[in-house]
Each structure stands twice: as structure tokens, then as C-alpha cells.
Amino acid sequence: MKDISVLIVEDDPAVAGALELRMKRTFSRVFSASDGRKGLETAVAEKPDVILTDLRMPHMEGLDMIAEIRKTLPDVHVIILTASSDRFDRKRAEELGVEGYFTKPLMVNELISKIQELV
């Protein structure tokens, strides 16, 4: 599974750092961005296999970022990582083709299994 590339879009530095460290142990290429706008730019430039994103971020919300990414990368796998349990967020995520929705705190082994299942 080392051939998988993952983009982490997370504005909390502690969460992003821990997640990035763990993903680098499992996958060959791991990118990170600290907000939705940077996530969009990185996704378009790097074309990752999987995007892991928070919902609430500065400059561009996660769902808005996903909608923009879908215009260029319609088949990229997207997994949301969030503390939100808002049903409207979940509904919009489904409409955008999100394939996983994990609430924080994360069970990283389950997340890795989901990534491997998707790719």
C-alpha cells in the first residue's frame, strides 16, 4: 500500500502533525495543507489518491474545498475528519461523493483501513 498518496487538510497543527507522521509510516507520499484554500491548491498540483479533510477551516470550508476539487479531480477519494456531527454537513458530504466520515478523536487504524479499502 506504499504507492498511495494522501493529502491531509487540517488547520489544527497538533492533529495535522500527528496524522501526517502516522500516514507517512504507511503511505509513500503524504502532503499537508493548513486550510481549505491551500488544500485546493495542493490537490490540483499533486493529484493525490485520497484527501483527508476537516470541515471547519479558515479561508475555505472543507465542503466548499471538496466541491471545487471535484471540478478538476472528480474521482479522487475524500474522507472527512471532523468534530462536527451536523446532519446537514453529512448530507452535503454525501452529495459531494465523500466516501468516509470520521469523527474526532480519530481511530487512526480504522482510517488507514478505510484508505486501503478505497484505493
PDB file of N, CA and C in Angstrom:
ATOM      1  N   MET A   1       0.816  -1.210   0.000  1.00  0.00           N
ATOM      2  CA  MET A   1       0.000   0.000   0.000  1.00  0.00           C
ATOM      3  C   MET A   1       0.855   1.268   0.000  1.00  0.00           C
ATOM      4  N   LYS A   2       2.135   1.130  -0.125  1.00  0.00           N
ATOM      5  CA  LYS A   2       3.023   2.281  -0.092  1.00  0.00           C
ATOM      6  C   LYS A   2       2.822   3.210  -1.293  1.00  0.00           C
ATOM      7  N   ASP A   3       2.183   2.755  -2.368  1.00  0.00           N
ATOM      8  CA  ASP A   3       2.026   3.558  -3.574  1.00  0.00           C
ATOM      9  C   ASP A   3       0.931   4.616  -3.470  1.00  0.00           C
ATOM     10  N   ILE A   4       0.227   4.653  -2.373  1.00  0.00           N
ATOM     11  CA  ILE A   4      -0.897   5.565  -2.204  1.00  0.00           C
ATOM     12  C   ILE A   4      -0.408   6.947  -1.771  1.00  0.00           C
ATOM     13  N   SER A   5      -0.962   7.985  -2.400  1.00  0.00           N
ATOM     14  CA  SER A   5      -0.645   9.358  -1.990  1.00  0.00           C
ATOM     15  C   SER A   5      -1.843   9.938  -1.248  1.00  0.00           C
ATOM     16  N   VAL A   6      -1.538  10.654  -0.162  1.00  0.00           N
ATOM     17  CA  VAL A   6      -2.573  11.178   0.726  1.00  0.00           C
ATOM     18  C   VAL A   6      -2.332  12.666   0.961  1.00  0.00           C
ATOM     19  N   LEU A   7      -3.388  13.443   0.861  1.00  0.00           N
ATOM     20  CA  LEU A   7      -3.356  14.863   1.220  1.00  0.00           C
ATOM     21  C   LEU A   7      -4.161  15.052   2.490  1.00  0.00           C
ATOM     22  N   ILE A   8      -3.534  15.658   3.489  1.00  0.00           N
ATOM     23  CA  ILE A   8      -4.193  15.967   4.757  1.00  0.00           C
ATOM     24  C   ILE A   8      -4.466  17.467   4.777  1.00  0.00           C
ATOM     25  N   VAL A   9      -5.726  17.841   4.952  1.00  0.00           N
ATOM     26  CA  VAL A   9      -6.096  19.256   5.041  1.00  0.00           C
ATOM     27  C   VAL A   9      -6.693  19.458   6.435  1.00  0.00           C
ATOM     28  N   GLU A  10      -5.911  20.071   7.309  1.00  0.00           N
ATOM     29  CA  GLU A  10      -6.276  20.202   8.721  1.00  0.00           C
ATOM     30  C   GLU A  10      -5.657  21.472   9.276  1.00  0.00           C
ATOM     31  N   ASP A  11      -6.471  22.306   9.930  1.00  0.00           N
ATOM     32  CA  ASP A  11      -5.969  23.576  10.454  1.00  0.00           C
ATOM     33  C   ASP A  11      -5.398  23.485  11.869  1.00  0.00           C
ATOM     34  N   ASP A  12      -5.643  22.411  12.576  1.00  0.00           N
ATOM     35  CA  ASP A  12      -5.074  22.238  13.917  1.00  0.00           C
ATOM     36  C   ASP A  12      -3.688  21.617  13.761  1.00  0.00           C
ATOM     37  N   PRO A  13      -2.617  22.365  14.102  1.00  0.00           N
ATOM     38  CA  PRO A  13      -1.260  21.865  13.887  1.00  0.00           C
ATOM     39  C   PRO A  13      -0.958  20.558  14.622  1.00  0.00           C
ATOM     40  N   ALA A  14      -1.484  20.381  15.816  1.00  0.00           N
ATOM     41  CA  ALA A  14      -1.216  19.154  16.571  1.00  0.00           C
ATOM     42  C   ALA A  14      -1.848  17.940  15.880  1.00  0.00           C
ATOM     43  N   VAL A  15      -3.097  18.089  15.457  1.00  0.00           N
ATOM     44  CA  VAL A  15      -3.787  16.997  14.769  1.00  0.00           C
ATOM     45  C   VAL A  15      -3.108  16.716  13.432  1.00  0.00           C
ATOM     46  N   ALA A  16      -2.802  17.774  12.682  1.00  0.00           N
ATOM     47  CA  ALA A  16      -2.171  17.610  11.375  1.00  0.00           C
ATOM     48  C   ALA A  16      -0.820  16.918  11.501  1.00  0.00           C
ATOM     49  N   GLY A  17      -0.019  17.345  12.474  1.00  0.00           N
ATOM     50  CA  GLY A  17       1.307  16.762  12.654  1.00  0.00           C
ATOM     51  C   GLY A  17       1.257  15.294  13.022  1.00  0.00           C
ATOM     52  N   ALA A  18       0.390  14.941  13.949  1.00  0.00           N
ATOM     53  CA  ALA A  18       0.264  13.546  14.369  1.00  0.00           C
ATOM     54  C   ALA A  18      -0.257  12.673  13.226  1.00  0.00           C
ATOM     55  N   LEU A  19      -1.226  13.187  12.506  1.00  0.00           N
ATOM     56  CA  LEU A  19      -1.801  12.431  11.396  1.00  0.00           C
ATOM     57  C   LEU A  19      -0.775  12.266  10.264  1.00  0.00           C
ATOM     58  N   GLU A  20      -0.062  13.321   9.975  1.00  0.00           N
ATOM     59  CA  GLU A  20       0.956  13.258   8.922  1.00  0.00           C
ATOM     60  C   GLU A  20       2.040  12.233   9.278  1.00  0.00           C
ATOM     61  N   LEU A  21       2.498  12.246  10.507  1.00  0.00           N
ATOM     62  CA  LEU A  21       3.507  11.288  10.957  1.00  0.00           C
ATOM     63  C   LEU A  21       3.022   9.852  10.771  1.00  0.00           C
ATOM     64  N   ARG A  22       1.790   9.598  11.178  1.00  0.00           N
ATOM     65  CA  ARG A  22       1.228   8.243  11.070  1.00  0.00           C
ATOM     66  C   ARG A  22       1.013   7.836   9.614  1.00  0.00           C
ATOM     67  N   MET A  23       0.551   8.753   8.778  1.00  0.00           N
ATOM     68  CA  MET A  23       0.316   8.428   7.374  1.00  0.00           C
ATOM     69  C   MET A  23       1.641   8.141   6.651  1.00  0.00           C
ATOM     70  N   LYS A  24       2.699   8.858   7.006  1.00  0.00           N
ATOM     71  CA  LYS A  24       4.000   8.645   6.364  1.00  0.00           C
ATOM     72  C   LYS A  24       4.579   7.273   6.685  1.00  0.00           C
ATOM     73  N   ARG A  25       4.166   6.678   7.773  1.00  0.00           N
ATOM     74  CA  ARG A  25       4.616   5.323   8.107  1.00  0.00           C
ATOM     75  C   ARG A  25       3.968   4.278   7.200  1.00  0.00           C
ATOM     76  N   THR A  26       2.840   4.634   6.615  1.00  0.00           N
ATOM     77  CA  THR A  26       2.058   3.665   5.848  1.00  0.00           C
ATOM     78  C   THR A  26       2.054   3.940   4.347  1.00  0.00           C
ATOM     79  N   PHE A  27       2.047   5.204   3.960  1.00  0.00           N
ATOM     80  CA  PHE A  27       1.889   5.556   2.553  1.00  0.00           C
ATOM     81  C   PHE A  27       3.107   6.307   2.021  1.00  0.00           C
ATOM     82  N   SER A  28       3.350   6.171   0.717  1.00  0.00           N
ATOM     83  CA  SER A  28       4.582   6.680   0.116  1.00  0.00           C
ATOM     84  C   SER A  28       4.653   8.201   0.016  1.00  0.00           C
ATOM     85  N   ARG A  29       3.547   8.826  -0.320  1.00  0.00           N
ATOM     86  CA  ARG A  29       3.564  10.284  -0.491  1.00  0.00           C
ATOM     87  C   ARG A  29       2.448  10.883   0.353  1.00  0.00           C
ATOM     88  N   VAL A  30       2.844  11.796   1.222  1.00  0.00           N
ATOM     89  CA  VAL A  30       1.880  12.459   2.105  1.00  0.00           C
ATOM     90  C   VAL A  30       2.112  13.958   2.005  1.00  0.00           C
ATOM     91  N   PHE A  31       1.047  14.668   1.703  1.00  0.00           N
ATOM     92  CA  PHE A  31       1.087  16.129   1.597  1.00  0.00           C
ATOM     93  C   PHE A  31       0.188  16.698   2.679  1.00  0.00           C
ATOM     94  N   SER A  32       0.414  17.954   3.035  1.00  0.00           N
ATOM     95  CA  SER A  32      -0.473  18.576   4.016  1.00  0.00           C
ATOM     96  C   SER A  32      -0.727  20.029   3.647  1.00  0.00           C
ATOM     97  N   ALA A  33      -1.869  20.503   4.108  1.00  0.00           N
ATOM     98  CA  ALA A  33      -2.264  21.897   3.913  1.00  0.00           C
ATOM     99  C   ALA A  33      -3.009  22.342   5.163  1.00  0.00           C
ATOM    100  N   SER A  34      -2.842  23.599   5.535  1.00  0.00           N
ATOM    101  CA  SER A  34      -3.397  24.091   6.801  1.00  0.00           C
ATOM    102  C   SER A  34      -4.754  24.775   6.676  1.00  0.00           C
ATOM    103  N   ASP A  35      -5.276  24.893   5.466  1.00  0.00           N
ATOM    104  CA  ASP A  35      -6.614  25.470   5.291  1.00  0.00           C
ATOM    105  C   ASP A  35      -7.180  25.018   3.945  1.00  0.00           C
ATOM    106  N   GLY A  36      -8.440  25.308   3.727  1.00  0.00           N
ATOM    107  CA  GLY A  36      -9.113  24.851   2.525  1.00  0.00           C
ATOM    108  C   GLY A  36      -8.538  25.395   1.233  1.00  0.00           C
ATOM    109  N   ARG A  37      -8.150  26.645   1.228  1.00  0.00           N
ATOM    110  CA  ARG A  37      -7.593  27.241   0.011  1.00  0.00           C
ATOM    111  C   ARG A  37      -6.278  26.544  -0.362  1.00  0.00           C
ATOM    112  N   LYS A  38      -5.401  26.345   0.638  1.00  0.00           N
ATOM    113  CA  LYS A  38      -4.135  25.650   0.387  1.00  0.00           C
ATOM    114  C   LYS A  38      -4.389  24.189   0.026  1.00  0.00           C
ATOM    115  N   GLY A  39      -5.420  23.599   0.619  1.00  0.00           N
ATOM    116  CA  GLY A  39      -5.785  22.229   0.282  1.00  0.00           C
ATOM    117  C   GLY A  39      -6.191  22.097  -1.170  1.00  0.00           C
ATOM    118  N   LEU A  40      -6.973  23.037  -1.653  1.00  0.00           N
ATOM    119  CA  LEU A  40      -7.396  23.050  -3.053  1.00  0.00           C
ATOM    120  C   LEU A  40      -6.179  23.160  -3.970  1.00  0.00           C
ATOM    121  N   GLU A  41      -5.294  24.099  -3.670  1.00  0.00           N
ATOM    122  CA  GLU A  41      -4.090  24.299  -4.488  1.00  0.00           C
ATOM    123  C   GLU A  41      -3.222  23.044  -4.499  1.00  0.00           C
ATOM    124  N   THR A  42      -3.043  22.439  -3.331  1.00  0.00           N
ATOM    125  CA  THR A  42      -2.199  21.245  -3.238  1.00  0.00           C
ATOM    126  C   THR A  42      -2.836  20.066  -3.956  1.00  0.00           C
ATOM    127  N   ALA A  43      -4.132  19.913  -3.833  1.00  0.00           N
ATOM    128  CA  ALA A  43      -4.829  18.808  -4.509  1.00  0.00           C
ATOM    129  C   ALA A  43      -4.681  18.918  -6.021  1.00  0.00           C
ATOM    130  N   VAL A  44      -4.869  20.100  -6.555  1.00  0.00           N
ATOM    131  CA  VAL A  44      -4.772  20.300  -8.002  1.00  0.00           C
ATOM    132  C   VAL A  44      -3.339  20.057  -8.479  1.00  0.00           C
ATOM    133  N   ALA A  45      -2.359  20.509  -7.699  1.00  0.00           N
ATOM    134  CA  ALA A  45      -0.954  20.358  -8.087  1.00  0.00           C
ATOM    135  C   ALA A  45      -0.458  18.920  -7.950  1.00  0.00           C
ATOM    136  N   GLU A  46      -0.836  18.244  -6.876  1.00  0.00           N
ATOM    137  CA  GLU A  46      -0.265  16.926  -6.566  1.00  0.00           C
ATOM    138  C   GLU A  46      -1.138  15.743  -6.982  1.00  0.00           C
ATOM    139  N   LYS A  47      -2.421  15.970  -7.201  1.00  0.00           N
ATOM    140  CA  LYS A  47      -3.366  14.922  -7.603  1.00  0.00           C
ATOM    141  C   LYS A  47      -3.249  13.669  -6.713  1.00  0.00           C
ATOM    142  N   PRO A  48      -3.554  13.826  -5.425  1.00  0.00           N
ATOM    143  CA  PRO A  48      -3.437  12.682  -4.514  1.00  0.00           C
ATOM    144  C   PRO A  48      -4.507  11.627  -4.790  1.00  0.00           C
ATOM    145  N   ASP A  49      -4.255  10.428  -4.284  1.00  0.00           N
ATOM    146  CA  ASP A  49      -5.247   9.360  -4.395  1.00  0.00           C
ATOM    147  C   ASP A  49      -6.393   9.584  -3.417  1.00  0.00           C
ATOM    148  N   VAL A  50      -6.044  10.103  -2.222  1.00  0.00           N
ATOM    149  CA  VAL A  50      -7.012  10.277  -1.147  1.00  0.00           C
ATOM    150  C   VAL A  50      -6.799  11.638  -0.493  1.00  0.00           C
ATOM    151  N   ILE A  51      -7.906  12.303  -0.169  1.00  0.00           N
ATOM    152  CA  ILE A  51      -7.862  13.557   0.583  1.00  0.00           C
ATOM    153  C   ILE A  51      -8.544  13.331   1.919  1.00  0.00           C
ATOM    154  N   LEU A  52      -7.841  13.659   2.992  1.00  0.00           N
ATOM    155  CA  LEU A  52      -8.401  13.646   4.344  1.00  0.00           C
ATOM    156  C   LEU A  52      -8.588  15.091   4.733  1.00  0.00           C
ATOM    157  N   THR A  53      -9.801  15.500   5.045  1.00  0.00           N
ATOM    158  CA  THR A  53     -10.026  16.911   5.328  1.00  0.00           C
ATOM    159  C   THR A  53     -10.944  17.159   6.516  1.00  0.00           C
ATOM    160  N   ASP A  54     -10.634  18.212   7.215  1.00  0.00           N
ATOM    161  CA  ASP A  54     -11.501  18.737   8.260  1.00  0.00           C
ATOM    162  C   ASP A  54     -12.617  19.508   7.561  1.00  0.00           C
ATOM    163  N   LEU A  55     -13.656  19.847   8.295  1.00  0.00           N
ATOM    164  CA  LEU A  55     -14.741  20.656   7.728  1.00  0.00           C
ATOM    165  C   LEU A  55     -14.565  22.135   8.017  1.00  0.00           C
ATOM    166  N   ARG A  56     -14.322  22.466   9.254  1.00  0.00           N
ATOM    167  CA  ARG A  56     -14.239  23.869   9.679  1.00  0.00           C
ATOM    168  C   ARG A  56     -12.786  24.339   9.634  1.00  0.00           C
ATOM    169  N   MET A  57     -12.501  25.185   8.650  1.00  0.00           N
ATOM    170  CA  MET A  57     -11.138  25.700   8.468  1.00  0.00           C
ATOM    171  C   MET A  57     -11.193  27.137   7.984  1.00  0.00           C
ATOM    172  N   PRO A  58     -10.110  27.849   8.205  1.00  0.00           N
ATOM    173  CA  PRO A  58     -10.060  29.225   7.696  1.00  0.00           C
ATOM    174  C   PRO A  58      -9.918  29.266   6.178  1.00  0.00           C
ATOM    175  N   HIS A  59     -10.280  30.396   5.599  1.00  0.00           N
ATOM    176  CA  HIS A  59     -10.131  30.726   4.178  1.00  0.00           C
ATOM    177  C   HIS A  59     -11.066  29.961   3.247  1.00  0.00           C
ATOM    178  N   MET A  60     -11.389  28.700   3.551  1.00  0.00           N
ATOM    179  CA  MET A  60     -12.336  27.936   2.748  1.00  0.00           C
ATOM    180  C   MET A  60     -12.737  26.709   3.567  1.00  0.00           C
ATOM    181  N   GLU A  61     -14.025  26.536   3.745  1.00  0.00           N
ATOM    182  CA  GLU A  61     -14.529  25.384   4.488  1.00  0.00           C
ATOM    183  C   GLU A  61     -14.235  24.097   3.712  1.00  0.00           C
ATOM    184  N   GLY A  62     -14.168  22.981   4.415  1.00  0.00           N
ATOM    185  CA  GLY A  62     -13.854  21.707   3.795  1.00  0.00           C
ATOM    186  C   GLY A  62     -14.810  21.291   2.701  1.00  0.00           C
ATOM    187  N   LEU A  63     -16.109  21.461   2.923  1.00  0.00           N
ATOM    188  CA  LEU A  63     -17.086  21.059   1.907  1.00  0.00           C
ATOM    189  C   LEU A  63     -16.991  21.937   0.660  1.00  0.00           C
ATOM    190  N   ASP A  64     -16.715  23.226   0.841  1.00  0.00           N
ATOM    191  CA  ASP A  64     -16.527  24.112  -0.314  1.00  0.00           C
ATOM    192  C   ASP A  64     -15.273  23.711  -1.084  1.00  0.00           C
ATOM    193  N   MET A  65     -14.218  23.348  -0.349  1.00  0.00           N
ATOM    194  CA  MET A  65     -12.977  22.898  -0.979  1.00  0.00           C
ATOM    195  C   MET A  65     -13.240  21.633  -1.794  1.00  0.00           C
ATOM    196  N   ILE A  66     -13.964  20.687  -1.221  1.00  0.00           N
ATOM    197  CA  ILE A  66     -14.271  19.436  -1.920  1.00  0.00           C
ATOM    198  C   ILE A  66     -15.037  19.716  -3.209  1.00  0.00           C
ATOM    199  N   ALA A  67     -16.017  20.601  -3.138  1.00  0.00           N
ATOM    200  CA  ALA A  67     -16.802  20.944  -4.332  1.00  0.00           C
ATOM    201  C   ALA A  67     -15.901  21.492  -5.439  1.00  0.00           C
ATOM    202  N   GLU A  68     -14.940  22.326  -5.072  1.00  0.00           N
ATOM    203  CA  GLU A  68     -14.010  22.881  -6.062  1.00  0.00           C
ATOM    204  C   GLU A  68     -13.075  21.801  -6.603  1.00  0.00           C
ATOM    205  N   ILE A  69     -12.577  20.959  -5.731  1.00  0.00           N
ATOM    206  CA  ILE A  69     -11.669  19.883  -6.154  1.00  0.00           C
ATOM    207  C   ILE A  69     -12.371  18.943  -7.128  1.00  0.00           C
ATOM    208  N   ARG A  70     -13.631  18.649  -6.891  1.00  0.00           N
ATOM    209  CA  ARG A  70     -14.402  17.736  -7.751  1.00  0.00           C
ATOM    210  C   ARG A  70     -14.448  18.229  -9.203  1.00  0.00           C
ATOM    211  N   LYS A  71     -14.328  19.534  -9.419  1.00  0.00           N
ATOM    212  CA  LYS A  71     -14.344  20.071 -10.782  1.00  0.00           C
ATOM    213  C   LYS A  71     -13.123  19.623 -11.575  1.00  0.00           C
ATOM    214  N   THR A  72     -12.001  19.457 -10.890  1.00  0.00           N
ATOM    215  CA  THR A  72     -10.751  19.082 -11.535  1.00  0.00           C
ATOM    216  C   THR A  72     -10.412  17.609 -11.350  1.00  0.00           C
ATOM    217  N   LEU A  73     -10.719  17.093 -10.165  1.00  0.00           N
ATOM    218  CA  LEU A  73     -10.402  15.703  -9.812  1.00  0.00           C
ATOM    219  C   LEU A  73     -11.685  14.982  -9.385  1.00  0.00           C
ATOM    220  N   PRO A  74     -12.561  14.677 -10.321  1.00  0.00           N
ATOM    221  CA  PRO A  74     -13.863  14.120  -9.945  1.00  0.00           C
ATOM    222  C   PRO A  74     -13.797  12.750  -9.273  1.00  0.00           C
ATOM    223  N   ASP A  75     -12.718  12.008  -9.497  1.00  0.00           N
ATOM    224  CA  ASP A  75     -12.637  10.648  -8.968  1.00  0.00           C
ATOM    225  C   ASP A  75     -11.757  10.496  -7.733  1.00  0.00           C
ATOM    226  N   VAL A  76     -11.233  11.599  -7.217  1.00  0.00           N
ATOM    227  CA  VAL A  76     -10.381  11.497  -6.026  1.00  0.00           C
ATOM    228  C   VAL A  76     -11.220  11.014  -4.841  1.00  0.00           C
ATOM    229  N   HIS A  77     -10.628  10.168  -4.021  1.00  0.00           N
ATOM    230  CA  HIS A  77     -11.304   9.664  -2.828  1.00  0.00           C
ATOM    231  C   HIS A  77     -11.201  10.720  -1.725  1.00  0.00           C
ATOM    232  N   VAL A  78     -12.315  10.986  -1.048  1.00  0.00           N
ATOM    233  CA  VAL A  78     -12.340  12.001   0.008  1.00  0.00           C
ATOM    234  C   VAL A  78     -12.914  11.402   1.281  1.00  0.00           C
ATOM    235  N   ILE A  79     -12.205  11.671   2.376  1.00  0.00           N
ATOM    236  CA  ILE A  79     -12.644  11.259   3.702  1.00  0.00           C
ATOM    237  C   ILE A  79     -12.651  12.494   4.584  1.00  0.00           C
ATOM    238  N   ILE A  80     -13.744  12.712   5.279  1.00  0.00           N
ATOM    239  CA  ILE A  80     -13.856  13.844   6.190  1.00  0.00           C
ATOM    240  C   ILE A  80     -13.468  13.403   7.601  1.00  0.00           C
ATOM    241  N   LEU A  81     -12.687  14.274   8.253  1.00  0.00           N
ATOM    242  CA  LEU A  81     -12.284  14.091   9.644  1.00  0.00           C
ATOM    243  C   LEU A  81     -12.768  15.313  10.397  1.00  0.00           C
ATOM    244  N   THR A  82     -13.706  15.148  11.303  1.00  0.00           N
ATOM    245  CA  THR A  82     -14.303  16.327  11.911  1.00  0.00           C
ATOM    246  C   THR A  82     -14.823  16.071  13.320  1.00  0.00           C
ATOM    247  N   ALA A  83     -14.977  17.135  14.061  1.00  0.00           N
ATOM    248  CA  ALA A  83     -15.625  17.058  15.367  1.00  0.00           C
ATOM    249  C   ALA A  83     -17.128  17.329  15.222  1.00  0.00           C
ATOM    250  N   SER A  84     -17.538  17.754  14.039  1.00  0.00           N
ATOM    251  CA  SER A  84     -18.936  18.102  13.785  1.00  0.00           C
ATOM    252  C   SER A  84     -19.782  16.863  13.520  1.00  0.00           C
ATOM    253  N   SER A  85     -20.979  16.861  14.060  1.00  0.00           N
ATOM    254  CA  SER A  85     -21.920  15.785  13.754  1.00  0.00           C
ATOM    255  C   SER A  85     -23.187  16.363  13.111  1.00  0.00           C
ATOM    256  N   ASP A  86     -23.037  17.506  12.508  1.00  0.00           N
ATOM    257  CA  ASP A  86     -24.149  18.204  11.873  1.00  0.00           C
ATOM    258  C   ASP A  86     -24.712  17.376  10.708  1.00  0.00           C
ATOM    259  N   ARG A  87     -26.000  17.126  10.749  1.00  0.00           N
ATOM    260  CA  ARG A  87     -26.609  16.284   9.716  1.00  0.00           C
ATOM    261  C   ARG A  87     -26.613  16.959   8.339  1.00  0.00           C
ATOM    262  N   PHE A  88     -26.630  18.291   8.302  1.00  0.00           N
ATOM    263  CA  PHE A  88     -26.577  18.987   7.024  1.00  0.00           C
ATOM    264  C   PHE A  88     -25.202  18.838   6.383  1.00  0.00           C
ATOM    265  N   ASP A  89     -24.152  18.839   7.217  1.00  0.00           N
ATOM    266  CA  ASP A  89     -22.800  18.601   6.707  1.00  0.00           C
ATOM    267  C   ASP A  89     -22.706  17.198   6.118  1.00  0.00           C
ATOM    268  N   ARG A  90     -23.255  16.239   6.824  1.00  0.00           N
ATOM    269  CA  ARG A  90     -23.219  14.849   6.335  1.00  0.00           C
ATOM    270  C   ARG A  90     -23.973  14.710   5.013  1.00  0.00           C
ATOM    271  N   LYS A  91     -25.114  15.366   4.912  1.00  0.00           N
ATOM    272  CA  LYS A  91     -25.913  15.293   3.682  1.00  0.00           C
ATOM    273  C   LYS A  91     -25.149  15.913   2.510  1.00  0.00           C
ATOM    274  N   ARG A  92     -24.572  17.060   2.723  1.00  0.00           N
ATOM    275  CA  ARG A  92     -23.813  17.710   1.640  1.00  0.00           C
ATOM    276  C   ARG A  92     -22.587  16.874   1.287  1.00  0.00           C
ATOM    277  N   ALA A  93     -21.943  16.287   2.296  1.00  0.00           N
ATOM    278  CA  ALA A  93     -20.792  15.423   2.049  1.00  0.00           C
ATOM    279  C   ALA A  93     -21.192  14.253   1.148  1.00  0.00           C
ATOM    280  N   GLU A  94     -22.327  13.653   1.423  1.00  0.00           N
ATOM    281  CA  GLU A  94     -22.823  12.551   0.587  1.00  0.00           C
ATOM    282  C   GLU A  94     -23.059  13.020  -0.841  1.00  0.00           C
ATOM    283  N   GLU A  95     -23.653  14.207  -0.978  1.00  0.00           N
ATOM    284  CA  GLU A  95     -23.919  14.762  -2.300  1.00  0.00           C
ATOM    285  C   GLU A  95     -22.627  15.000  -3.084  1.00  0.00           C
ATOM    286  N   LEU A  96     -21.547  15.297  -2.368  1.00  0.00           N
ATOM    287  CA  LEU A  96     -20.248  15.552  -2.997  1.00  0.00           C
ATOM    288  C   LEU A  96     -19.452  14.268  -3.218  1.00  0.00           C
ATOM    289  N   GLY A  97     -20.027  13.137  -2.853  1.00  0.00           N
ATOM    290  CA  GLY A  97     -19.360  11.864  -3.085  1.00  0.00           C
ATOM    291  C   GLY A  97     -18.286  11.513  -2.073  1.00  0.00           C
ATOM    292  N   VAL A  98     -18.382  12.076  -0.873  1.00  0.00           N
ATOM    293  CA  VAL A  98     -17.425  11.743   0.178  1.00  0.00           C
ATOM    294  C   VAL A  98     -17.604  10.274   0.553  1.00  0.00           C
ATOM    295  N   GLU A  99     -16.493   9.566   0.709  1.00  0.00           N
ATOM    296  CA  GLU A  99     -16.554   8.118   0.915  1.00  0.00           C
ATOM    297  C   GLU A  99     -16.291   7.681   2.352  1.00  0.00           C
ATOM    298  N   GLY A 100     -16.017   8.631   3.216  1.00  0.00           N
ATOM    299  CA  GLY A 100     -15.804   8.298   4.619  1.00  0.00           C
ATOM    300  C   GLY A 100     -16.030   9.528   5.474  1.00  0.00           C
ATOM    301  N   TYR A 101     -16.523   9.317   6.669  1.00  0.00           N
ATOM    302  CA  TYR A 101     -16.839  10.430   7.566  1.00  0.00           C
ATOM    303  C   TYR A 101     -16.446   9.969   8.967  1.00  0.00           C
ATOM    304  N   PHE A 102     -15.301  10.437   9.449  1.00  0.00           N
ATOM    305  CA  PHE A 102     -14.784  10.041  10.751  1.00  0.00           C
ATOM    306  C   PHE A 102     -14.875  11.209  11.722  1.00  0.00           C
ATOM    307  N   THR A 103     -15.377  10.942  12.903  1.00  0.00           N
ATOM    308  CA  THR A 103     -15.441  11.986  13.921  1.00  0.00           C
ATOM    309  C   THR A 103     -14.214  11.903  14.823  1.00  0.00           C
ATOM    310  N   LYS A 104     -13.784  13.072  15.268  1.00  0.00           N
ATOM    311  CA  LYS A 104     -12.636  13.166  16.173  1.00  0.00           C
ATOM    312  C   LYS A 104     -13.114  12.922  17.596  1.00  0.00           C
ATOM    313  N   PRO A 105     -12.316  12.311  18.436  1.00  0.00           N
ATOM    314  CA  PRO A 105     -10.950  11.849  18.168  1.00  0.00           C
ATOM    315  C   PRO A 105     -10.953  10.644  17.233  1.00  0.00           C
ATOM    316  N   LEU A 106      -9.911  10.586  16.415  1.00  0.00           N
ATOM    317  CA  LEU A 106      -9.829   9.572  15.365  1.00  0.00           C
ATOM    318  C   LEU A 106      -9.300   8.244  15.878  1.00  0.00           C
ATOM    319  N   MET A 107      -9.778   7.198  15.271  1.00  0.00           N
ATOM    320  CA  MET A 107      -9.206   5.867  15.428  1.00  0.00           C
ATOM    321  C   MET A 107      -8.368   5.661  14.163  1.00  0.00           C
ATOM    322  N   VAL A 108      -7.092   5.951  14.258  1.00  0.00           N
ATOM    323  CA  VAL A 108      -6.236   6.009  13.075  1.00  0.00           C
ATOM    324  C   VAL A 108      -6.165   4.666  12.347  1.00  0.00           C
ATOM    325  N   ASN A 109      -6.168   3.576  13.060  1.00  0.00           N
ATOM    326  CA  ASN A 109      -6.126   2.267  12.386  1.00  0.00           C
ATOM    327  C   ASN A 109      -7.355   2.054  11.510  1.00  0.00           C
ATOM    328  N   GLU A 110      -8.521   2.504  11.976  1.00  0.00           N
ATOM    329  CA  GLU A 110      -9.739   2.408  11.169  1.00  0.00           C
ATOM    330  C   GLU A 110      -9.638   3.302   9.933  1.00  0.00           C
ATOM    331  N   LEU A 111      -9.050   4.480  10.108  1.00  0.00           N
ATOM    332  CA  LEU A 111      -8.866   5.409   8.997  1.00  0.00           C
ATOM    333  C   LEU A 111      -7.943   4.791   7.942  1.00  0.00           C
ATOM    334  N   ILE A 112      -6.838   4.221   8.370  1.00  0.00           N
ATOM    335  CA  ILE A 112      -5.905   3.589   7.440  1.00  0.00           C
ATOM    336  C   ILE A 112      -6.586   2.435   6.704  1.00  0.00           C
ATOM    337  N   SER A 113      -7.350   1.653   7.412  1.00  0.00           N
ATOM    338  CA  SER A 113      -8.084   0.547   6.763  1.00  0.00           C
ATOM    339  C   SER A 113      -9.047   1.073   5.711  1.00  0.00           C
ATOM    340  N   LYS A 114      -9.722   2.166   6.006  1.00  0.00           N
ATOM    341  CA  LYS A 114     -10.655   2.762   5.036  1.00  0.00           C
ATOM    342  C   LYS A 114      -9.907   3.240   3.796  1.00  0.00           C
ATOM    343  N   ILE A 115      -8.765   3.881   3.988  1.00  0.00           N
ATOM    344  CA  ILE A 115      -7.967   4.351   2.854  1.00  0.00           C
ATOM    345  C   ILE A 115      -7.557   3.170   1.976  1.00  0.00           C
ATOM    346  N   GLN A 116      -7.080   2.109   2.604  1.00  0.00           N
ATOM    347  CA  GLN A 116      -6.648   0.924   1.854  1.00  0.00           C
ATOM    348  C   GLN A 116      -7.821   0.268   1.126  1.00  0.00           C
ATOM    349  N   GLU A 117      -8.979   0.316   1.719  1.00  0.00           N
ATOM    350  CA  GLU A 117     -10.191  -0.230   1.103  1.00  0.00           C
ATOM    351  C   GLU A 117     -10.566   0.563  -0.152  1.00  0.00           C
ATOM    352  N   LEU A 118     -10.385   1.871  -0.113  1.00  0.00           N
ATOM    353  CA  LEU A 118     -10.804   2.729  -1.217  1.00  0.00           C
ATOM    354  C   LEU A 118      -9.866   2.672  -2.426  1.00  0.00           C
ATOM    355  N   VAL A 119      -8.574   2.508  -2.155  1.00  0.00           N
ATOM    356  CA  VAL A 119      -7.604   2.652  -3.254  1.00  0.00           C
ATOM    357  C   VAL A 119      -7.155   1.334  -3.793  1.00  0.00           C
TER     358      VAL A 119
END
